[in-house]
Amino acid sequence: MNIILITGGPSAEREVSIASGKSILKALRESGHNVKVIDPVYGDKLVPEEKIFGHKLSKNSPSLNELKEINITSGRNILECINSDLFDNTDLVFLGLHGKFGEDGKIQSLLEFRGIKYTGSGVLASALAMDKDISKKILSSAGIKTPEWISLRKSGYNDPAETDRLIKDSTGYPCVVKPNDEGSTVGLTIVQPDVEDIQLNESVKLAFEYSEKVLIEQYIKGREITVPVIGGEAYPVIEIKPKDGFYDYEHKYTKGMTEYICPAVLPEEVTQKAREYALAAHNLLGCSVYSRIDFMLDDKNELNCLEVNTLPGMTDTSLVPKSAAANGMTFRQLIDRITELSLQK
C-alpha cells in the first residue's frame, strides 16, 4: 500500500511524535508498504527523512520559545501540506502524532476533507478525549470514577486566593495542576500544601502557557496503571513504577528511569475491572481502532480514571507495545493490526 506517515507536528509532544514515527516507519517498511514520511510543519515540501529523524529524544519537552517559533508559520504550512499533491494516490495516513493538532481532531478533520483514510479515532472522539474536563464529565456521569477536579479559564483567572479556596473546598491539597489539553505531563505540577517553593499561582500560570483552560485535580496517591484497547479488546494491564518522583516527561522517555510490569500483579477482580472500565471509557468517548486508558489505583484498590489517549506513544519505552507483546504480538504485528483496523473503519 501507499502509506503516508505523519510525524512531528507543532505540539509540545513533537519530539515524542518523531520518536514514535521512527519506530512506526521501520515496521511499515518491514511489512512491505511504500511509505512517505511527512512533517506538516514544513508545508508542502518533502523533507529528507534524516532531517526529521536525525536527533535523539531529549529528556525535556521543547521549551515555550521553541514551540512559539514552530507555531509562527506552522498553521499555514499545515494547510498547504494537507492540500498538496503529496497526498495524491494515498491509501492510508498513519498518524504518528501526539498532543495538540494530532489528537484533538484537527488533523483528522483536514484528512476527512481530503477523503483520505487515517489511523485511530475520528474527529469527535479525538476532540472529546483531548479535552480532559469534558471527558472526565462524560466518564463520571457513566459511573467511572475519576479524581475530583475544577477547571479554570485563562480569560477569567485573576484571583489566586479564590482558586486556593476552591481547591480547599473540592480537590484539597496536594493537587495536580495541568493544561486541559496536553499530554506527556507537559506543563504539569503537583502542588503540595505549605511548601514555599511550589506556589499555586506559578503552577497555574505555567499550565496556562500551554492551554486556555487549566485542570486542577485531586492528587491520588497509589499505583499507576494503564490499559490499551485495540480492536474492541482490552489488552493486558501495565503497572508503571518510576524509579523516583512521579511519572513525568523525563521518566516516560528515558530508558531505565521507570519499571514496567506487564501483566500487572493485581488482584484478579481489580484486573478485570480495569479492563472493563478501559473498554467502557473507549466506547463512551466513541474511540475507534486503538487507545490507551490511564488509571490511578488508590490504597483502597479503587480505580480512578485519569484520561483516555487516542494516539498513544509508539517509542522504545511506550506502553501499548509492551502490552501487545504480553499478548503475544510483535511491534510489527501491532502496526499491521492498527493499519488493518483503520482501513476497515
C-alpha atoms as a PDB file:
ATOM      1  CA  MET A   1       0.000   0.000   0.000  1.00  0.00           C
ATOM      2  CA  ASN A   2       0.935   3.639  -0.387  1.00  0.00           C
ATOM      3  CA  ILE A   3       1.062   4.965   3.173  1.00  0.00           C
ATOM      4  CA  ILE A   4       1.921   8.429   4.428  1.00  0.00           C
ATOM      5  CA  LEU A   5       3.368   8.572   7.926  1.00  0.00           C
ATOM      6  CA  ILE A   6       2.711  11.939   9.566  1.00  0.00           C
ATOM      7  CA  THR A   7       5.097  12.694  12.402  1.00  0.00           C
ATOM      8  CA  GLY A   8       6.463  15.720  14.276  1.00  0.00           C
ATOM      9  CA  GLY A   9       3.812  18.406  14.165  1.00  0.00           C
ATOM     10  CA  PRO A  10       3.545  21.642  16.170  1.00  0.00           C
ATOM     11  CA  SER A  11       2.696  20.342  19.659  1.00  0.00           C
ATOM     12  CA  ALA A  12       4.732  20.177  22.872  1.00  0.00           C
ATOM     13  CA  GLU A  13       4.962  16.418  22.199  1.00  0.00           C
ATOM     14  CA  ARG A  14       6.690  16.989  18.868  1.00  0.00           C
ATOM     15  CA  GLU A  15       9.869  15.112  19.807  1.00  0.00           C
ATOM     16  CA  VAL A  16       7.910  12.164  21.188  1.00  0.00           C
ATOM     17  CA  SER A  17       5.977  12.052  17.940  1.00  0.00           C
ATOM     18  CA  ILE A  18       9.207  11.895  15.939  1.00  0.00           C
ATOM     19  CA  ALA A  19      10.475   9.048  18.156  1.00  0.00           C
ATOM     20  CA  SER A  20       7.184   7.181  17.628  1.00  0.00           C
ATOM     21  CA  GLY A  21       7.371   7.864  13.906  1.00  0.00           C
ATOM     22  CA  LYS A  22      10.815   6.323  13.618  1.00  0.00           C
ATOM     23  CA  SER A  23       9.603   3.034  15.135  1.00  0.00           C
ATOM     24  CA  ILE A  24       6.385   3.019  13.084  1.00  0.00           C
ATOM     25  CA  LEU A  25       8.278   3.677   9.846  1.00  0.00           C
ATOM     26  CA  LYS A  26      10.553   0.680  10.364  1.00  0.00           C
ATOM     27  CA  ALA A  27       7.583  -1.625  10.994  1.00  0.00           C
ATOM     28  CA  LEU A  28       5.602  -0.370   7.999  1.00  0.00           C
ATOM     29  CA  ARG A  29       8.528  -0.858   5.645  1.00  0.00           C
ATOM     30  CA  GLU A  30       9.235  -4.314   7.053  1.00  0.00           C
ATOM     31  CA  SER A  31       5.642  -5.153   6.094  1.00  0.00           C
ATOM     32  CA  GLY A  32       6.375  -4.131   2.500  1.00  0.00           C
ATOM     33  CA  HIS A  33       4.484  -0.823   2.327  1.00  0.00           C
ATOM     34  CA  ASN A  34       5.587   2.129   0.241  1.00  0.00           C
ATOM     35  CA  VAL A  35       5.919   4.798   2.953  1.00  0.00           C
ATOM     36  CA  LYS A  36       6.355   8.549   2.576  1.00  0.00           C
ATOM     37  CA  VAL A  37       7.276  10.494   5.747  1.00  0.00           C
ATOM     38  CA  ILE A  38       5.784  13.969   6.210  1.00  0.00           C
ATOM     39  CA  ASP A  39       6.172  16.544   8.975  1.00  0.00           C
ATOM     40  CA  PRO A  40       3.397  19.052   8.174  1.00  0.00           C
ATOM     41  CA  VAL A  41       5.128  21.999   9.865  1.00  0.00           C
ATOM     42  CA  TYR A  42       7.407  22.123   6.796  1.00  0.00           C
ATOM     43  CA  GLY A  43       4.482  22.756   4.454  1.00  0.00           C
ATOM     44  CA  ASP A  44       4.206  21.144   1.034  1.00  0.00           C
ATOM     45  CA  LYS A  45       7.925  20.321   0.839  1.00  0.00           C
ATOM     46  CA  LEU A  46       9.002  16.686   1.188  1.00  0.00           C
ATOM     47  CA  VAL A  47      11.766  16.983   3.780  1.00  0.00           C
ATOM     48  CA  PRO A  48      14.567  14.367   3.851  1.00  0.00           C
ATOM     49  CA  GLU A  49      13.874  11.686   6.439  1.00  0.00           C
ATOM     50  CA  GLU A  50      17.292  12.191   8.053  1.00  0.00           C
ATOM     51  CA  LYS A  51      16.330  15.788   8.853  1.00  0.00           C
ATOM     52  CA  ILE A  52      13.164  14.628  10.639  1.00  0.00           C
ATOM     53  CA  PHE A  53      14.665  11.638  12.445  1.00  0.00           C
ATOM     54  CA  GLY A  54      18.231  12.867  12.841  1.00  0.00           C
ATOM     55  CA  HIS A  55      18.243  13.599  16.549  1.00  0.00           C
ATOM     56  CA  LYS A  56      17.765  11.781  19.837  1.00  0.00           C
ATOM     57  CA  LEU A  57      14.719  12.297  22.032  1.00  0.00           C
ATOM     58  CA  SER A  58      15.513  14.895  24.700  1.00  0.00           C
ATOM     59  CA  LYS A  59      14.752  14.196  28.343  1.00  0.00           C
ATOM     60  CA  ASN A  60      12.883  17.524  28.442  1.00  0.00           C
ATOM     61  CA  SER A  61       9.928  18.696  26.370  1.00  0.00           C
ATOM     62  CA  PRO A  62      10.505  21.576  23.914  1.00  0.00           C
ATOM     63  CA  SER A  63      10.746  24.995  25.553  1.00  0.00           C
ATOM     64  CA  LEU A  64       7.937  27.515  25.182  1.00  0.00           C
ATOM     65  CA  ASN A  65      10.182  29.639  22.960  1.00  0.00           C
ATOM     66  CA  GLU A  66      10.846  26.668  20.655  1.00  0.00           C
ATOM     67  CA  LEU A  67       7.125  25.942  20.427  1.00  0.00           C
ATOM     68  CA  LYS A  68       6.312  29.583  19.653  1.00  0.00           C
ATOM     69  CA  GLU A  69       8.901  29.590  16.887  1.00  0.00           C
ATOM     70  CA  ILE A  70       7.408  26.437  15.343  1.00  0.00           C
ATOM     71  CA  ASN A  71       3.869  27.814  15.570  1.00  0.00           C
ATOM     72  CA  ILE A  72       4.631  31.128  13.845  1.00  0.00           C
ATOM     73  CA  THR A  73       4.351  29.511  10.425  1.00  0.00           C
ATOM     74  CA  SER A  74       3.010  26.035  11.139  1.00  0.00           C
ATOM     75  CA  GLY A  75      -0.715  26.780  10.735  1.00  0.00           C
ATOM     76  CA  ARG A  76      -0.460  27.950   7.148  1.00  0.00           C
ATOM     77  CA  ASN A  77       2.198  25.355   6.344  1.00  0.00           C
ATOM     78  CA  ILE A  78      -0.034  22.545   7.607  1.00  0.00           C
ATOM     79  CA  LEU A  79      -2.931  23.637   5.382  1.00  0.00           C
ATOM     80  CA  GLU A  80      -0.619  23.842   2.371  1.00  0.00           C
ATOM     81  CA  CYS A  81       0.789  20.420   3.225  1.00  0.00           C
ATOM     82  CA  ILE A  82      -2.526  18.579   3.506  1.00  0.00           C
ATOM     83  CA  ASN A  83      -3.863  20.314   0.378  1.00  0.00           C
ATOM     84  CA  SER A  84      -0.787  19.473  -1.687  1.00  0.00           C
ATOM     85  CA  ASP A  85      -0.171  16.707  -4.209  1.00  0.00           C
ATOM     86  CA  LEU A  86       1.962  14.928  -1.570  1.00  0.00           C
ATOM     87  CA  PHE A  87      -1.258  13.179  -0.553  1.00  0.00           C
ATOM     88  CA  ASP A  88      -2.346  12.103  -4.018  1.00  0.00           C
ATOM     89  CA  ASN A  89      -2.701   8.326  -4.525  1.00  0.00           C
ATOM     90  CA  THR A  90      -2.552   7.658  -0.777  1.00  0.00           C
ATOM     91  CA  ASP A  91      -4.242   4.517   0.572  1.00  0.00           C
ATOM     92  CA  LEU A  92      -3.825   5.398   4.259  1.00  0.00           C
ATOM     93  CA  VAL A  93      -2.300   8.040   6.525  1.00  0.00           C
ATOM     94  CA  PHE A  94      -0.659   6.578   9.608  1.00  0.00           C
ATOM     95  CA  LEU A  95      -0.833   9.216  12.343  1.00  0.00           C
ATOM     96  CA  GLY A  96       2.361   9.182  14.379  1.00  0.00           C
ATOM     97  CA  LEU A  97       1.380  12.471  16.026  1.00  0.00           C
ATOM     98  CA  HIS A  98       0.781  13.202  19.713  1.00  0.00           C
ATOM     99  CA  GLY A  99      -0.728  16.158  21.561  1.00  0.00           C
ATOM    100  CA  LYS A 100      -2.440  19.188  20.064  1.00  0.00           C
ATOM    101  CA  PHE A 101      -3.264  19.089  16.358  1.00  0.00           C
ATOM    102  CA  GLY A 102      -2.544  15.336  16.333  1.00  0.00           C
ATOM    103  CA  GLU A 103      -5.003  14.110  18.950  1.00  0.00           C
ATOM    104  CA  ASP A 104      -7.605  16.872  19.147  1.00  0.00           C
ATOM    105  CA  GLY A 105      -9.455  16.186  15.887  1.00  0.00           C
ATOM    106  CA  LYS A 106      -7.791  18.878  13.755  1.00  0.00           C
ATOM    107  CA  ILE A 107      -5.629  16.690  11.520  1.00  0.00           C
ATOM    108  CA  GLN A 108      -8.461  14.150  11.377  1.00  0.00           C
ATOM    109  CA  SER A 109     -10.811  16.870  10.095  1.00  0.00           C
ATOM    110  CA  LEU A 110      -8.369  18.010   7.395  1.00  0.00           C
ATOM    111  CA  LEU A 111      -7.830  14.450   6.196  1.00  0.00           C
ATOM    112  CA  GLU A 112     -11.568  13.841   6.031  1.00  0.00           C
ATOM    113  CA  PHE A 113     -11.939  16.927   3.825  1.00  0.00           C
ATOM    114  CA  ARG A 114      -9.392  15.315   1.504  1.00  0.00           C
ATOM    115  CA  GLY A 115     -11.252  12.000   1.664  1.00  0.00           C
ATOM    116  CA  ILE A 116      -8.198  10.144   2.956  1.00  0.00           C
ATOM    117  CA  LYS A 117      -8.375   7.279   5.450  1.00  0.00           C
ATOM    118  CA  TYR A 118      -6.255   7.593   8.600  1.00  0.00           C
ATOM    119  CA  THR A 119      -5.358   5.566  11.676  1.00  0.00           C
ATOM    120  CA  GLY A 120      -7.081   5.883  15.027  1.00  0.00           C
ATOM    121  CA  SER A 121     -10.195   7.637  16.246  1.00  0.00           C
ATOM    122  CA  GLY A 122     -12.335  10.116  14.337  1.00  0.00           C
ATOM    123  CA  VAL A 123     -12.793  13.853  14.752  1.00  0.00           C
ATOM    124  CA  LEU A 124     -15.319  13.918  17.609  1.00  0.00           C
ATOM    125  CA  ALA A 125     -13.784  11.151  19.723  1.00  0.00           C
ATOM    126  CA  SER A 126     -10.344  12.741  19.364  1.00  0.00           C
ATOM    127  CA  ALA A 127     -11.656  16.153  20.427  1.00  0.00           C
ATOM    128  CA  LEU A 128     -13.584  14.747  23.402  1.00  0.00           C
ATOM    129  CA  ALA A 129     -10.667  12.678  24.712  1.00  0.00           C
ATOM    130  CA  MET A 130      -8.218  15.567  24.343  1.00  0.00           C
ATOM    131  CA  ASP A 131     -10.449  17.861  26.411  1.00  0.00           C
ATOM    132  CA  LYS A 132      -9.810  16.389  29.867  1.00  0.00           C
ATOM    133  CA  ASP A 133     -12.533  18.477  31.530  1.00  0.00           C
ATOM    134  CA  ILE A 134     -15.227  17.270  29.108  1.00  0.00           C
ATOM    135  CA  SER A 135     -14.058  13.657  29.020  1.00  0.00           C
ATOM    136  CA  LYS A 136     -13.987  13.474  32.831  1.00  0.00           C
ATOM    137  CA  LYS A 137     -17.594  14.709  32.906  1.00  0.00           C
ATOM    138  CA  ILE A 138     -18.632  12.008  30.431  1.00  0.00           C
ATOM    139  CA  LEU A 139     -16.792   9.245  32.299  1.00  0.00           C
ATOM    140  CA  SER A 140     -18.008  10.243  35.757  1.00  0.00           C
ATOM    141  CA  SER A 141     -21.615  10.538  34.548  1.00  0.00           C
ATOM    142  CA  ALA A 142     -21.374   6.895  33.412  1.00  0.00           C
ATOM    143  CA  GLY A 143     -20.124   5.705  36.804  1.00  0.00           C
ATOM    144  CA  ILE A 144     -16.407   5.560  36.015  1.00  0.00           C
ATOM    145  CA  LYS A 145     -14.661   7.192  38.954  1.00  0.00           C
ATOM    146  CA  THR A 146     -12.230   9.997  38.154  1.00  0.00           C
ATOM    147  CA  PRO A 147     -10.328  12.253  40.584  1.00  0.00           C
ATOM    148  CA  GLU A 148     -12.243  15.319  41.813  1.00  0.00           C
ATOM    149  CA  TRP A 149     -11.396  18.401  39.781  1.00  0.00           C
ATOM    150  CA  ILE A 150     -12.086  22.008  38.948  1.00  0.00           C
ATOM    151  CA  SER A 151     -11.277  23.873  35.737  1.00  0.00           C
ATOM    152  CA  LEU A 152     -10.121  27.443  35.195  1.00  0.00           C
ATOM    153  CA  ARG A 153     -10.267  29.544  32.042  1.00  0.00           C
ATOM    154  CA  LYS A 154      -7.407  31.875  31.219  1.00  0.00           C
ATOM    155  CA  SER A 155      -9.745  34.756  30.391  1.00  0.00           C
ATOM    156  CA  GLY A 156     -11.322  34.641  33.845  1.00  0.00           C
ATOM    157  CA  TYR A 157      -8.341  33.840  36.049  1.00  0.00           C
ATOM    158  CA  ASN A 158      -7.147  36.719  38.230  1.00  0.00           C
ATOM    159  CA  ASP A 159      -7.550  35.681  41.860  1.00  0.00           C
ATOM    160  CA  PRO A 160      -5.169  33.026  43.271  1.00  0.00           C
ATOM    161  CA  ALA A 161      -6.795  33.358  46.702  1.00  0.00           C
ATOM    162  CA  GLU A 162     -10.188  32.399  45.254  1.00  0.00           C
ATOM    163  CA  THR A 163      -8.575  29.436  43.457  1.00  0.00           C
ATOM    164  CA  ASP A 164      -6.994  28.341  46.726  1.00  0.00           C
ATOM    165  CA  ARG A 165     -10.418  28.460  48.392  1.00  0.00           C
ATOM    166  CA  LEU A 166     -11.957  26.388  45.573  1.00  0.00           C
ATOM    167  CA  ILE A 167      -9.214  23.807  45.931  1.00  0.00           C
ATOM    168  CA  LYS A 168      -9.717  23.516  49.678  1.00  0.00           C
ATOM    169  CA  ASP A 169     -13.471  23.065  49.106  1.00  0.00           C
ATOM    170  CA  SER A 170     -13.089  20.443  46.373  1.00  0.00           C
ATOM    171  CA  THR A 171      -9.870  18.615  45.477  1.00  0.00           C
ATOM    172  CA  GLY A 172      -7.872  19.509  48.585  1.00  0.00           C
ATOM    173  CA  TYR A 173      -4.070  19.519  48.739  1.00  0.00           C
ATOM    174  CA  PRO A 174      -1.886  18.082  47.341  1.00  0.00           C
ATOM    175  CA  CYS A 175      -3.376  18.640  43.901  1.00  0.00           C
ATOM    176  CA  VAL A 176      -2.301  18.298  40.292  1.00  0.00           C
ATOM    177  CA  VAL A 177      -2.286  21.406  38.097  1.00  0.00           C
ATOM    178  CA  LYS A 178      -2.101  20.720  34.367  1.00  0.00           C
ATOM    179  CA  PRO A 179      -3.143  22.057  30.964  1.00  0.00           C
ATOM    180  CA  ASN A 180      -6.552  20.779  29.925  1.00  0.00           C
ATOM    181  CA  ASP A 181      -5.401  19.568  26.511  1.00  0.00           C
ATOM    182  CA  GLU A 182      -1.780  18.458  26.669  1.00  0.00           C
ATOM    183  CA  GLY A 183      -0.132  15.099  27.245  1.00  0.00           C
ATOM    184  CA  SER A 184       3.166  13.609  28.413  1.00  0.00           C
ATOM    185  CA  THR A 185       2.848  15.634  31.676  1.00  0.00           C
ATOM    186  CA  VAL A 186       3.841  18.797  29.778  1.00  0.00           C
ATOM    187  CA  GLY A 187       3.107  21.864  31.943  1.00  0.00           C
ATOM    188  CA  LEU A 188       2.077  19.673  34.884  1.00  0.00           C
ATOM    189  CA  THR A 189       2.889  20.434  38.525  1.00  0.00           C
ATOM    190  CA  ILE A 190       1.995  18.666  41.760  1.00  0.00           C
ATOM    191  CA  VAL A 191       1.193  21.401  44.277  1.00  0.00           C
ATOM    192  CA  GLN A 192       1.918  20.443  47.872  1.00  0.00           C
ATOM    193  CA  PRO A 193       0.374  22.168  50.894  1.00  0.00           C
ATOM    194  CA  ASP A 194       2.587  24.631  52.768  1.00  0.00           C
ATOM    195  CA  VAL A 195       5.624  24.272  50.515  1.00  0.00           C
ATOM    196  CA  GLU A 196       7.031  27.681  49.690  1.00  0.00           C
ATOM    197  CA  ASP A 197       8.951  26.712  46.545  1.00  0.00           C
ATOM    198  CA  ILE A 198       5.913  25.230  44.801  1.00  0.00           C
ATOM    199  CA  GLN A 199       3.423  28.051  44.511  1.00  0.00           C
ATOM    200  CA  LEU A 200      -0.127  27.561  43.266  1.00  0.00           C
ATOM    201  CA  ASN A 201      -0.153  30.757  41.203  1.00  0.00           C
ATOM    202  CA  GLU A 202       3.096  29.861  39.443  1.00  0.00           C
ATOM    203  CA  SER A 203       1.787  26.384  38.624  1.00  0.00           C
ATOM    204  CA  VAL A 204      -1.444  27.770  37.196  1.00  0.00           C
ATOM    205  CA  LYS A 205       0.447  30.334  35.109  1.00  0.00           C
ATOM    206  CA  LEU A 206       2.738  27.605  33.747  1.00  0.00           C
ATOM    207  CA  ALA A 207      -0.240  25.461  32.738  1.00  0.00           C
ATOM    208  CA  PHE A 208      -1.870  28.484  31.056  1.00  0.00           C
ATOM    209  CA  GLU A 209       1.239  28.845  28.892  1.00  0.00           C
ATOM    210  CA  TYR A 210       0.132  25.629  27.160  1.00  0.00           C
ATOM    211  CA  SER A 211      -3.660  25.914  27.205  1.00  0.00           C
ATOM    212  CA  GLU A 212      -6.574  28.313  27.512  1.00  0.00           C
ATOM    213  CA  LYS A 213      -8.095  26.013  30.148  1.00  0.00           C
ATOM    214  CA  VAL A 214      -6.375  24.531  33.202  1.00  0.00           C
ATOM    215  CA  LEU A 215      -7.429  21.488  35.190  1.00  0.00           C
ATOM    216  CA  ILE A 216      -6.810  21.283  38.932  1.00  0.00           C
ATOM    217  CA  GLU A 217      -7.255  17.693  40.014  1.00  0.00           C
ATOM    218  CA  GLN A 218      -7.247  15.746  43.254  1.00  0.00           C
ATOM    219  CA  TYR A 219      -3.880  14.054  43.785  1.00  0.00           C
ATOM    220  CA  ILE A 220      -4.336  10.305  44.144  1.00  0.00           C
ATOM    221  CA  LYS A 221      -1.509   8.523  45.927  1.00  0.00           C
ATOM    222  CA  GLY A 222      -1.216   4.947  44.784  1.00  0.00           C
ATOM    223  CA  ARG A 223      -0.223   2.719  41.888  1.00  0.00           C
ATOM    224  CA  GLU A 224      -0.339   3.980  38.308  1.00  0.00           C
ATOM    225  CA  ILE A 225      -1.678   1.525  35.743  1.00  0.00           C
ATOM    226  CA  THR A 226      -2.734   1.707  32.125  1.00  0.00           C
ATOM    227  CA  VAL A 227      -4.829  -0.448  29.791  1.00  0.00           C
ATOM    228  CA  PRO A 228      -4.633  -0.388  25.991  1.00  0.00           C
ATOM    229  CA  VAL A 229      -7.733  -1.113  23.918  1.00  0.00           C
ATOM    230  CA  ILE A 230      -7.112  -2.472  20.422  1.00  0.00           C
ATOM    231  CA  GLY A 231      -9.882  -3.540  18.064  1.00  0.00           C
ATOM    232  CA  GLY A 232     -12.526  -3.523  20.781  1.00  0.00           C
ATOM    233  CA  GLU A 233     -10.477  -5.696  23.144  1.00  0.00           C
ATOM    234  CA  ALA A 234      -8.852  -4.619  26.420  1.00  0.00           C
ATOM    235  CA  TYR A 235      -5.218  -5.757  26.468  1.00  0.00           C
ATOM    236  CA  PRO A 236      -3.028  -6.745  29.464  1.00  0.00           C
ATOM    237  CA  VAL A 237      -2.764  -4.193  32.268  1.00  0.00           C
ATOM    238  CA  ILE A 238       0.598  -2.467  32.816  1.00  0.00           C
ATOM    239  CA  GLU A 239       1.817  -1.082  36.136  1.00  0.00           C
ATOM    240  CA  ILE A 240       4.117   1.934  35.859  1.00  0.00           C
ATOM    241  CA  LYS A 241       6.733   2.340  38.608  1.00  0.00           C
ATOM    242  CA  PRO A 242       9.075   5.342  38.246  1.00  0.00           C
ATOM    243  CA  LYS A 243      12.428   4.867  39.982  1.00  0.00           C
ATOM    244  CA  ASP A 244      11.867   8.138  41.864  1.00  0.00           C
ATOM    245  CA  GLY A 245       9.498  11.099  41.876  1.00  0.00           C
ATOM    246  CA  PHE A 246       6.480  10.774  39.600  1.00  0.00           C
ATOM    247  CA  TYR A 247       5.920   9.633  36.025  1.00  0.00           C
ATOM    248  CA  ASP A 248       6.899  12.888  34.309  1.00  0.00           C
ATOM    249  CA  TYR A 249       8.254  13.577  30.804  1.00  0.00           C
ATOM    250  CA  GLU A 250      11.796  12.532  31.710  1.00  0.00           C
ATOM    251  CA  HIS A 251      10.665   9.265  33.339  1.00  0.00           C
ATOM    252  CA  LYS A 252       8.415   8.462  30.362  1.00  0.00           C
ATOM    253  CA  TYR A 253      11.055   8.807  27.690  1.00  0.00           C
ATOM    254  CA  THR A 254      14.378   7.971  29.357  1.00  0.00           C
ATOM    255  CA  LYS A 255      15.290   4.290  29.372  1.00  0.00           C
ATOM    256  CA  GLY A 256      15.919   2.863  32.816  1.00  0.00           C
ATOM    257  CA  MET A 257      14.077   5.561  34.777  1.00  0.00           C
ATOM    258  CA  THR A 258      10.825   3.608  35.049  1.00  0.00           C
ATOM    259  CA  GLU A 259       9.976  -0.031  35.675  1.00  0.00           C
ATOM    260  CA  TYR A 260       7.042  -1.523  33.753  1.00  0.00           C
ATOM    261  CA  ILE A 261       5.263  -4.640  34.980  1.00  0.00           C
ATOM    262  CA  CYS A 262       3.076  -6.362  32.417  1.00  0.00           C
ATOM    263  CA  PRO A 263       0.809  -8.064  33.122  1.00  0.00           C
ATOM    264  CA  ALA A 264       0.487  -6.023  36.322  1.00  0.00           C
ATOM    265  CA  VAL A 265       0.433  -8.043  39.545  1.00  0.00           C
ATOM    266  CA  LEU A 266      -3.014  -7.141  40.868  1.00  0.00           C
ATOM    267  CA  PRO A 267      -5.958  -8.917  42.479  1.00  0.00           C
ATOM    268  CA  GLU A 268      -7.922 -10.626  39.724  1.00  0.00           C
ATOM    269  CA  GLU A 269     -11.038  -8.552  40.407  1.00  0.00           C
ATOM    270  CA  VAL A 270      -9.027  -5.306  40.028  1.00  0.00           C
ATOM    271  CA  THR A 271      -7.507  -6.502  36.759  1.00  0.00           C
ATOM    272  CA  GLN A 272     -10.919  -7.383  35.359  1.00  0.00           C
ATOM    273  CA  LYS A 273     -12.453  -4.100  36.482  1.00  0.00           C
ATOM    274  CA  ALA A 274      -9.559  -2.099  34.968  1.00  0.00           C
ATOM    275  CA  ARG A 275     -10.036  -3.811  31.617  1.00  0.00           C
ATOM    276  CA  GLU A 276     -13.819  -3.398  31.853  1.00  0.00           C
ATOM    277  CA  TYR A 277     -13.523   0.332  32.654  1.00  0.00           C
ATOM    278  CA  ALA A 278     -10.936   0.860  29.924  1.00  0.00           C
ATOM    279  CA  LEU A 279     -13.190  -0.640  27.279  1.00  0.00           C
ATOM    280  CA  ALA A 280     -16.171   1.330  28.618  1.00  0.00           C
ATOM    281  CA  ALA A 281     -14.195   4.610  28.531  1.00  0.00           C
ATOM    282  CA  HIS A 282     -13.009   3.864  24.981  1.00  0.00           C
ATOM    283  CA  ASN A 283     -16.607   3.289  23.860  1.00  0.00           C
ATOM    284  CA  LEU A 284     -18.151   6.173  25.816  1.00  0.00           C
ATOM    285  CA  LEU A 285     -15.945   8.688  24.008  1.00  0.00           C
ATOM    286  CA  GLY A 286     -16.558   7.000  20.676  1.00  0.00           C
ATOM    287  CA  CYS A 287     -12.948   5.920  20.141  1.00  0.00           C
ATOM    288  CA  SER A 288     -12.052   3.501  17.388  1.00  0.00           C
ATOM    289  CA  VAL A 289      -9.126   1.275  16.349  1.00  0.00           C
ATOM    290  CA  TYR A 290      -6.993   1.754  19.483  1.00  0.00           C
ATOM    291  CA  SER A 291      -6.498   3.857  22.592  1.00  0.00           C
ATOM    292  CA  ARG A 292      -4.832   3.738  25.993  1.00  0.00           C
ATOM    293  CA  ILE A 293      -6.642   4.488  29.247  1.00  0.00           C
ATOM    294  CA  ASP A 294      -4.697   5.605  32.325  1.00  0.00           C
ATOM    295  CA  PHE A 295      -5.721   4.964  35.942  1.00  0.00           C
ATOM    296  CA  MET A 296      -4.523   5.521  39.498  1.00  0.00           C
ATOM    297  CA  LEU A 297      -5.229   2.667  41.911  1.00  0.00           C
ATOM    298  CA  ASP A 298      -5.632   4.125  45.404  1.00  0.00           C
ATOM    299  CA  ASP A 299      -4.903   2.493  48.766  1.00  0.00           C
ATOM    300  CA  LYS A 300      -8.428   1.038  48.829  1.00  0.00           C
ATOM    301  CA  ASN A 301      -7.831  -0.667  45.453  1.00  0.00           C
ATOM    302  CA  GLU A 302     -10.332   1.678  43.828  1.00  0.00           C
ATOM    303  CA  LEU A 303      -9.680   2.716  40.233  1.00  0.00           C
ATOM    304  CA  ASN A 304      -9.547   6.396  39.323  1.00  0.00           C
ATOM    305  CA  CYS A 305      -9.545   7.084  35.585  1.00  0.00           C
ATOM    306  CA  LEU A 306      -7.131   9.863  34.639  1.00  0.00           C
ATOM    307  CA  GLU A 307      -7.534  10.160  30.871  1.00  0.00           C
ATOM    308  CA  VAL A 308      -8.034   8.482  27.511  1.00  0.00           C
ATOM    309  CA  ASN A 309      -5.229   8.709  24.925  1.00  0.00           C
ATOM    310  CA  THR A 310      -6.370   8.305  21.317  1.00  0.00           C
ATOM    311  CA  LEU A 311      -2.878   8.241  19.729  1.00  0.00           C
ATOM    312  CA  PRO A 312      -0.695   6.675  22.429  1.00  0.00           C
ATOM    313  CA  GLY A 313       3.073   6.610  22.094  1.00  0.00           C
ATOM    314  CA  MET A 314       4.953   4.107  19.949  1.00  0.00           C
ATOM    315  CA  THR A 315       8.517   4.781  21.138  1.00  0.00           C
ATOM    316  CA  ASP A 316      11.005   2.244  22.525  1.00  0.00           C
ATOM    317  CA  THR A 317       9.652   2.874  26.038  1.00  0.00           C
ATOM    318  CA  SER A 318       5.949   3.178  25.127  1.00  0.00           C
ATOM    319  CA  LEU A 319       3.198   1.278  26.852  1.00  0.00           C
ATOM    320  CA  VAL A 320       0.901  -0.060  24.131  1.00  0.00           C
ATOM    321  CA  PRO A 321       3.711  -2.095  22.501  1.00  0.00           C
ATOM    322  CA  LYS A 322       4.592  -3.583  25.917  1.00  0.00           C
ATOM    323  CA  SER A 323       1.002  -4.692  26.487  1.00  0.00           C
ATOM    324  CA  ALA A 324       0.734  -6.054  22.948  1.00  0.00           C
ATOM    325  CA  ALA A 325       3.952  -8.038  23.497  1.00  0.00           C
ATOM    326  CA  ALA A 326       2.445  -9.565  26.652  1.00  0.00           C
ATOM    327  CA  ASN A 327      -0.438 -10.642  24.433  1.00  0.00           C
ATOM    328  CA  GLY A 328       1.982 -12.389  22.051  1.00  0.00           C
ATOM    329  CA  MET A 329       2.108  -9.626  19.433  1.00  0.00           C
ATOM    330  CA  THR A 330       5.312  -8.215  17.956  1.00  0.00           C
ATOM    331  CA  PHE A 331       5.641  -4.494  17.274  1.00  0.00           C
ATOM    332  CA  ARG A 332       5.340  -5.105  13.542  1.00  0.00           C
ATOM    333  CA  GLN A 333       2.174  -7.156  14.088  1.00  0.00           C
ATOM    334  CA  LEU A 334       0.779  -4.343  16.250  1.00  0.00           C
ATOM    335  CA  ILE A 335       1.340  -1.792  13.485  1.00  0.00           C
ATOM    336  CA  ASP A 336      -0.172  -4.218  10.955  1.00  0.00           C
ATOM    337  CA  ARG A 337      -3.234  -4.609  13.187  1.00  0.00           C
ATOM    338  CA  ILE A 338      -3.701  -0.850  13.560  1.00  0.00           C
ATOM    339  CA  THR A 339      -3.370  -0.472   9.789  1.00  0.00           C
ATOM    340  CA  GLU A 340      -5.915  -3.230   9.132  1.00  0.00           C
ATOM    341  CA  LEU A 341      -8.450  -1.885  11.633  1.00  0.00           C
ATOM    342  CA  SER A 342      -8.099   1.673  10.298  1.00  0.00           C
ATOM    343  CA  LEU A 343      -8.831   0.577   6.732  1.00  0.00           C
ATOM    344  CA  GLN A 344     -12.000  -1.122   7.988  1.00  0.00           C
ATOM    345  CA  LYS A 345     -13.402   1.991   9.709  1.00  0.00           C
END
